[in-house]
Every structure is written in C-alpha cells, then in structure tokens.
C-alpha atoms as a PDB file:
ATOM      1  CA  UNK A   1       0.000   0.000   0.000  1.00  0.00           C
ATOM      2  CA  UNK A   2       2.811   2.409   0.787  1.00  0.00           C
ATOM      3  CA  UNK A   3       4.421   1.784  -2.601  1.00  0.00           C
ATOM      4  CA  UNK A   4       1.180   2.669  -4.396  1.00  0.00           C
ATOM      5  CA  UNK A   5       0.986   6.010  -2.600  1.00  0.00           C
ATOM      6  CA  UNK A   6       4.646   6.696  -3.353  1.00  0.00           C
ATOM      7  CA  UNK A   7       4.183   5.865  -7.029  1.00  0.00           C
ATOM      8  CA  UNK A   8       1.099   8.069  -7.284  1.00  0.00           C
ATOM      9  CA  UNK A   9       2.990  10.925  -5.645  1.00  0.00           C
ATOM     10  CA  UNK A  10       6.034  10.522  -7.892  1.00  0.00           C
ATOM     11  CA  UNK A  11       3.782  10.365 -10.948  1.00  0.00           C
ATOM     12  CA  UNK A  12       2.585  13.895 -10.288  1.00  0.00           C
ATOM     13  CA  UNK A  13      -0.716  12.822  -8.699  1.00  0.00           C
ATOM     14  CA  UNK A  14      -1.772  14.364  -5.391  1.00  0.00           C
ATOM     15  CA  UNK A  15      -0.708  12.261  -2.408  1.00  0.00           C
ATOM     16  CA  UNK A  16      -4.274  11.992  -1.145  1.00  0.00           C
ATOM     17  CA  UNK A  17      -6.965  13.297  -3.475  1.00  0.00           C
ATOM     18  CA  UNK A  18      -9.815  13.112  -1.019  1.00  0.00           C
ATOM     19  CA  UNK A  19      -8.114  14.797   1.944  1.00  0.00           C
ATOM     20  CA  UNK A  20     -10.150  17.759   3.211  1.00  0.00           C
ATOM     21  CA  UNK A  21      -9.498  20.032   6.158  1.00  0.00           C
ATOM     22  CA  UNK A  22     -11.628  23.165   6.339  1.00  0.00           C
ATOM     23  CA  UNK A  23     -13.229  25.602   8.739  1.00  0.00           C
ATOM     24  CA  UNK A  24     -17.043  25.517   8.737  1.00  0.00           C
ATOM     25  CA  UNK A  25     -19.589  27.827  10.354  1.00  0.00           C
ATOM     26  CA  UNK A  26     -21.273  25.241  12.634  1.00  0.00           C
ATOM     27  CA  UNK A  27     -21.745  21.548  13.292  1.00  0.00           C
ATOM     28  CA  UNK A  28     -24.432  19.938  11.117  1.00  0.00           C
ATOM     29  CA  UNK A  29     -27.736  19.485  12.980  1.00  0.00           C
ATOM     30  CA  UNK A  30     -27.479  15.683  12.825  1.00  0.00           C
ATOM     31  CA  UNK A  31     -24.170  15.640  14.756  1.00  0.00           C
ATOM     32  CA  UNK A  32     -24.900  15.346  18.475  1.00  0.00           C
ATOM     33  CA  UNK A  33     -22.445  16.636  21.081  1.00  0.00           C
ATOM     34  CA  UNK A  34     -22.405  14.349  24.155  1.00  0.00           C
ATOM     35  CA  UNK A  35     -22.614  15.896  27.609  1.00  0.00           C
ATOM     36  CA  UNK A  36     -19.286  16.048  29.445  1.00  0.00           C
ATOM     37  CA  UNK A  37     -20.488  13.657  32.173  1.00  0.00           C
ATOM     38  CA  UNK A  38     -21.028  10.930  29.541  1.00  0.00           C
ATOM     39  CA  UNK A  39     -17.307  10.740  28.726  1.00  0.00           C
ATOM     40  CA  UNK A  40     -15.256   7.958  30.289  1.00  0.00           C
ATOM     41  CA  UNK A  41     -12.283   8.441  32.543  1.00  0.00           C
ATOM     42  CA  UNK A  42      -9.512  10.422  30.877  1.00  0.00           C
ATOM     43  CA  UNK A  43      -6.218   8.642  30.159  1.00  0.00           C
ATOM     44  CA  UNK A  44      -2.884  10.453  29.978  1.00  0.00           C
ATOM     45  CA  UNK A  45      -1.284  10.619  26.545  1.00  0.00           C
ATOM     46  CA  UNK A  46       1.406  12.815  25.002  1.00  0.00           C
ATOM     47  CA  UNK A  47       1.108  16.263  26.610  1.00  0.00           C
ATOM     48  CA  UNK A  48      -2.485  15.915  27.772  1.00  0.00           C
ATOM     49  CA  UNK A  49      -5.383  13.518  28.223  1.00  0.00           C
ATOM     50  CA  UNK A  50      -8.038  11.770  26.123  1.00  0.00           C
ATOM     51  CA  UNK A  51     -11.527  10.589  27.049  1.00  0.00           C
ATOM     52  CA  UNK A  52     -14.164   8.979  24.823  1.00  0.00           C
ATOM     53  CA  UNK A  53     -17.940   8.666  24.527  1.00  0.00           C
ATOM     54  CA  UNK A  54     -19.670   6.798  21.677  1.00  0.00           C
ATOM     55  CA  UNK A  55     -18.638   8.679  18.502  1.00  0.00           C
ATOM     56  CA  UNK A  56     -16.709  11.431  20.324  1.00  0.00           C
ATOM     57  CA  UNK A  57     -13.165  11.980  21.588  1.00  0.00           C
ATOM     58  CA  UNK A  58     -12.278  14.841  23.984  1.00  0.00           C
ATOM     59  CA  UNK A  59      -8.627  15.884  23.938  1.00  0.00           C
ATOM     60  CA  UNK A  60      -7.164  18.162  26.600  1.00  0.00           C
ATOM     61  CA  UNK A  61      -3.767  19.209  25.330  1.00  0.00           C
ATOM     62  CA  UNK A  62      -0.965  21.059  27.031  1.00  0.00           C
ATOM     63  CA  UNK A  63       0.707  22.229  23.822  1.00  0.00           C
ATOM     64  CA  UNK A  64       1.037  19.670  21.040  1.00  0.00           C
ATOM     65  CA  UNK A  65      -1.085  16.651  20.220  1.00  0.00           C
ATOM     66  CA  UNK A  66      -0.658  14.295  17.252  1.00  0.00           C
ATOM     67  CA  UNK A  67      -3.778  12.629  15.826  1.00  0.00           C
ATOM     68  CA  UNK A  68      -4.231   9.955  13.167  1.00  0.00           C
ATOM     69  CA  UNK A  69      -7.523   9.553  11.306  1.00  0.00           C
ATOM     70  CA  UNK A  70      -8.569   8.210   7.934  1.00  0.00           C
ATOM     71  CA  UNK A  71     -12.296   8.834   8.369  1.00  0.00           C
ATOM     72  CA  UNK A  72     -14.552  11.870   8.421  1.00  0.00           C
ATOM     73  CA  UNK A  73     -14.742  13.974  11.565  1.00  0.00           C
ATOM     74  CA  UNK A  74     -15.785  17.319  12.936  1.00  0.00           C
ATOM     75  CA  UNK A  75     -13.474  19.173  15.306  1.00  0.00           C
ATOM     76  CA  UNK A  76     -14.893  21.630  17.816  1.00  0.00           C
ATOM     77  CA  UNK A  77     -12.429  23.899  19.632  1.00  0.00           C
ATOM     78  CA  UNK A  78     -13.912  24.154  23.120  1.00  0.00           C
ATOM     79  CA  UNK A  79     -10.994  26.092  24.657  1.00  0.00           C
ATOM     80  CA  UNK A  80      -7.693  27.503  23.517  1.00  0.00           C
ATOM     81  CA  UNK A  81      -6.087  28.612  20.301  1.00  0.00           C
ATOM     82  CA  UNK A  82      -3.230  27.615  18.031  1.00  0.00           C
ATOM     83  CA  UNK A  83      -2.947  25.910  14.671  1.00  0.00           C
ATOM     84  CA  UNK A  84      -3.394  22.586  12.965  1.00  0.00           C
ATOM     85  CA  UNK A  85      -0.451  21.295  10.959  1.00  0.00           C
ATOM     86  CA  UNK A  86      -0.527  18.469   8.466  1.00  0.00           C
ATOM     87  CA  UNK A  87       1.381  17.241   5.469  1.00  0.00           C
ATOM     88  CA  UNK A  88      -0.020  19.862   3.123  1.00  0.00           C
ATOM     89  CA  UNK A  89      -0.472  22.932   5.278  1.00  0.00           C
ATOM     90  CA  UNK A  90      -1.419  24.795   8.401  1.00  0.00           C
ATOM     91  CA  UNK A  91      -4.667  26.306   9.612  1.00  0.00           C
ATOM     92  CA  UNK A  92      -5.146  28.541  12.674  1.00  0.00           C
ATOM     93  CA  UNK A  93      -7.890  27.855  15.221  1.00  0.00           C
ATOM     94  CA  UNK A  94      -9.381  29.560  18.266  1.00  0.00           C
ATOM     95  CA  UNK A  95     -12.048  28.852  20.855  1.00  0.00           C
ATOM     96  CA  UNK A  96     -15.457  28.276  19.266  1.00  0.00           C
ATOM     97  CA  UNK A  97     -14.155  27.317  15.807  1.00  0.00           C
ATOM     98  CA  UNK A  98     -15.519  24.238  14.038  1.00  0.00           C
ATOM     99  CA  UNK A  99     -13.679  22.244  11.358  1.00  0.00           C
ATOM    100  CA  UNK A 100     -14.497  19.378   9.036  1.00  0.00           C
ATOM    101  CA  UNK A 101     -11.781  16.875   8.158  1.00  0.00           C
ATOM    102  CA  UNK A 102     -12.005  13.998   5.692  1.00  0.00           C
ATOM    103  CA  UNK A 103      -9.152  11.488   5.498  1.00  0.00           C
ATOM    104  CA  UNK A 104      -6.610  13.860   7.071  1.00  0.00           C
ATOM    105  CA  UNK A 105      -4.309  10.930   7.954  1.00  0.00           C
ATOM    106  CA  UNK A 106      -1.828  12.493  10.396  1.00  0.00           C
ATOM    107  CA  UNK A 107      -2.247  15.993  11.812  1.00  0.00           C
ATOM    108  CA  UNK A 108      -1.148  17.947  14.872  1.00  0.00           C
ATOM    109  CA  UNK A 109      -2.798  20.388  17.238  1.00  0.00           C
ATOM    110  CA  UNK A 110      -0.239  23.074  18.135  1.00  0.00           C
ATOM    111  CA  UNK A 111      -1.586  25.037  21.092  1.00  0.00           C
ATOM    112  CA  UNK A 112      -3.056  24.202  24.463  1.00  0.00           C
ATOM    113  CA  UNK A 113      -6.783  23.721  24.794  1.00  0.00           C
ATOM    114  CA  UNK A 114      -9.731  21.361  24.785  1.00  0.00           C
ATOM    115  CA  UNK A 115     -10.726  19.814  21.464  1.00  0.00           C
ATOM    116  CA  UNK A 116     -13.794  17.702  20.758  1.00  0.00           C
ATOM    117  CA  UNK A 117     -13.609  15.267  17.824  1.00  0.00           C
ATOM    118  CA  UNK A 118     -16.979  14.035  16.553  1.00  0.00           C
ATOM    119  CA  UNK A 119     -16.799  11.178  14.062  1.00  0.00           C
ATOM    120  CA  UNK A 120     -19.166  11.627  11.122  1.00  0.00           C
END
C-alpha cells in the first residue's frame, strides 16, 4: 500500500486526493455533542489527556497533540487557540471554531486547549 501512494505521488498525482481540512460555520444538525459527564475516565497521553464517549473523543492538550484519522470527523475547539499542521499545510484555530476533516491521515494540534472530535 505504501508503494502505491509513493508511485502516485512521484507520478505527479496528489498524495491523497480526497483529503479535506476546512473551517465551517457550525456543526451539522445531525451531529450530536455528548454531555461532558457521559465521557469515560480520561487517560494520559502525550502532553495531555483523552476521554471517549460513543462517537466522540475529547482531547485536553498542554501544547502539542498528534492525531491519526482516515475517516470523516468534525473538530470543535472548546478552549484555547493555536494551529493545525498536516502534510499539506497549516490552519489557525481559536475557541469556538468548528472544522471538518475527511481522510486527514496524520495531523497535529499546536496550542493548548480542549478539542472535541466528533466522528461523522
């Protein structure tokens, strides 16, 4: 699988045609945000902690957090500010922002805060 991606990249094709990472105005109505008390116990990872609930992941980061995803997800910035970084770019964020990501593969949160990932 890795060789196919490398060949496509070397052949002038985009590395990942369907990758999307964009700021949106609000979460779609059909995406429910679980109440904080419904999240499980947080576990320590990297420079913060992660807790989960059904289709949601809450990340509390102290500065930098690396995430891997090949699906579709919405990202709600509950607290903090900083920027996302991924293979093809950077995008600033601040408290209250909402983003949609499709097949982002690997990306980083640079900045402390609380981030809610809702799988689509």
